[in-house]
Protein backbone atom coordinates (compact mmCIF):
# COMPACT_ATOMS: atom_id res chain seq x y z
CA UNK A 1 -184.35 33.26 91.14
CA UNK A 2 -184.61 29.93 89.32
CA UNK A 3 -182.22 28.34 91.80
CA UNK A 4 -184.66 28.78 94.70
CA UNK A 5 -187.84 27.57 92.97
CA UNK A 6 -187.64 23.88 93.96
CA UNK A 7 -186.29 24.47 97.49
CA UNK A 8 -189.12 26.96 98.07
CA UNK A 9 -191.69 24.46 96.81
CA UNK A 10 -190.18 21.81 99.12
CA UNK A 11 -190.40 24.15 102.13
CA UNK A 12 -194.00 25.06 101.28
CA UNK A 13 -194.94 21.37 101.01
CA UNK A 14 -193.23 20.71 104.36
CA UNK A 15 -195.19 23.53 105.99
CA UNK A 16 -198.44 22.16 104.51
CA UNK A 17 -197.59 18.69 105.82
CA UNK A 18 -196.96 20.13 109.30
CA UNK A 19 -200.32 21.89 109.17
CA UNK A 20 -202.18 18.76 108.07
CA UNK A 21 -200.49 16.64 110.73
CA UNK A 22 -201.42 19.15 113.43
CA UNK A 23 -205.05 19.21 112.26
CA UNK A 24 -205.23 15.41 112.43
CA UNK A 25 -203.63 15.37 115.87
CA UNK A 26 -205.94 18.14 117.15
CA UNK A 27 -208.91 15.77 117.17
CA UNK A 28 -207.08 13.49 119.61
CA UNK A 29 -205.83 16.37 121.75
CA UNK A 30 -209.07 17.82 123.06
CA UNK A 31 -211.68 15.54 124.60
CA UNK A 32 -215.13 16.68 125.56
CA UNK A 33 -216.71 16.03 128.91
CA UNK A 34 -220.30 15.02 129.45
CA UNK A 35 -221.25 18.70 129.85
CA UNK A 36 -219.89 19.51 126.39
CA UNK A 37 -216.89 21.42 127.77
CA UNK A 38 -213.44 20.87 126.32
CA UNK A 39 -210.99 19.02 128.54
CA UNK A 40 -207.30 19.40 127.66
CA UNK A 41 -204.96 16.54 128.52
CA UNK A 42 -202.46 17.08 131.34
CA UNK A 43 -199.37 16.68 129.12
CA UNK A 44 -200.49 19.51 126.90
CA UNK A 45 -201.57 21.70 129.79
CA UNK A 46 -198.16 21.28 131.44
CA UNK A 47 -196.12 21.82 128.23
CA UNK A 48 -198.13 24.00 125.81
CA UNK A 49 -195.10 24.92 123.66
CA UNK A 50 -193.90 21.40 122.93
CA UNK A 51 -194.64 20.36 119.36
CA UNK A 52 -196.54 23.56 118.68
CA UNK A 53 -197.05 23.62 114.89
CA UNK A 54 -196.67 27.40 114.67
CA UNK A 55 -193.25 27.25 116.33
CA UNK A 56 -192.21 24.36 114.07
CA UNK A 57 -193.24 26.31 110.95
CA UNK A 58 -191.35 29.38 112.17
CA UNK A 59 -188.30 27.18 112.74
CA UNK A 60 -188.50 25.64 109.25
CA UNK A 61 -188.88 29.07 107.62
CA UNK A 62 -186.00 30.48 109.68
CA UNK A 63 -183.67 27.66 108.65
CA UNK A 64 -184.58 28.14 104.98
CA UNK A 65 -184.10 31.92 105.09
CA UNK A 66 -180.78 31.47 106.90
CA UNK A 67 -179.58 29.11 104.17
CA UNK A 68 -180.53 31.64 101.49
CA UNK A 69 -178.80 34.49 103.33
CA UNK A 70 -175.59 32.53 103.87
CA UNK A 71 -175.63 31.30 100.26
CA UNK A 72 -175.65 34.84 98.93
CA UNK A 73 -173.26 36.10 101.61
CA UNK A 74 -170.56 33.60 100.68
CA UNK A 75 -171.05 33.42 96.91
CA UNK A 76 -170.89 37.13 96.07
């Protein structure tokens, strides 16, 4: 399992970076009206799945797991 220690750490750091970037961007995403209600921008309302951090994290994890599976499938 030593072979996967550093790649796993790299993937975890990438997932943390995606989470931090999405938290920073979240402040600019939702604006409040004078009544205190949240107002979502039109681009996000029209395309809610674009640049969704959960989907990006799932994609990163899927790519990493696929690499591990194919590594062991073709080396043994």
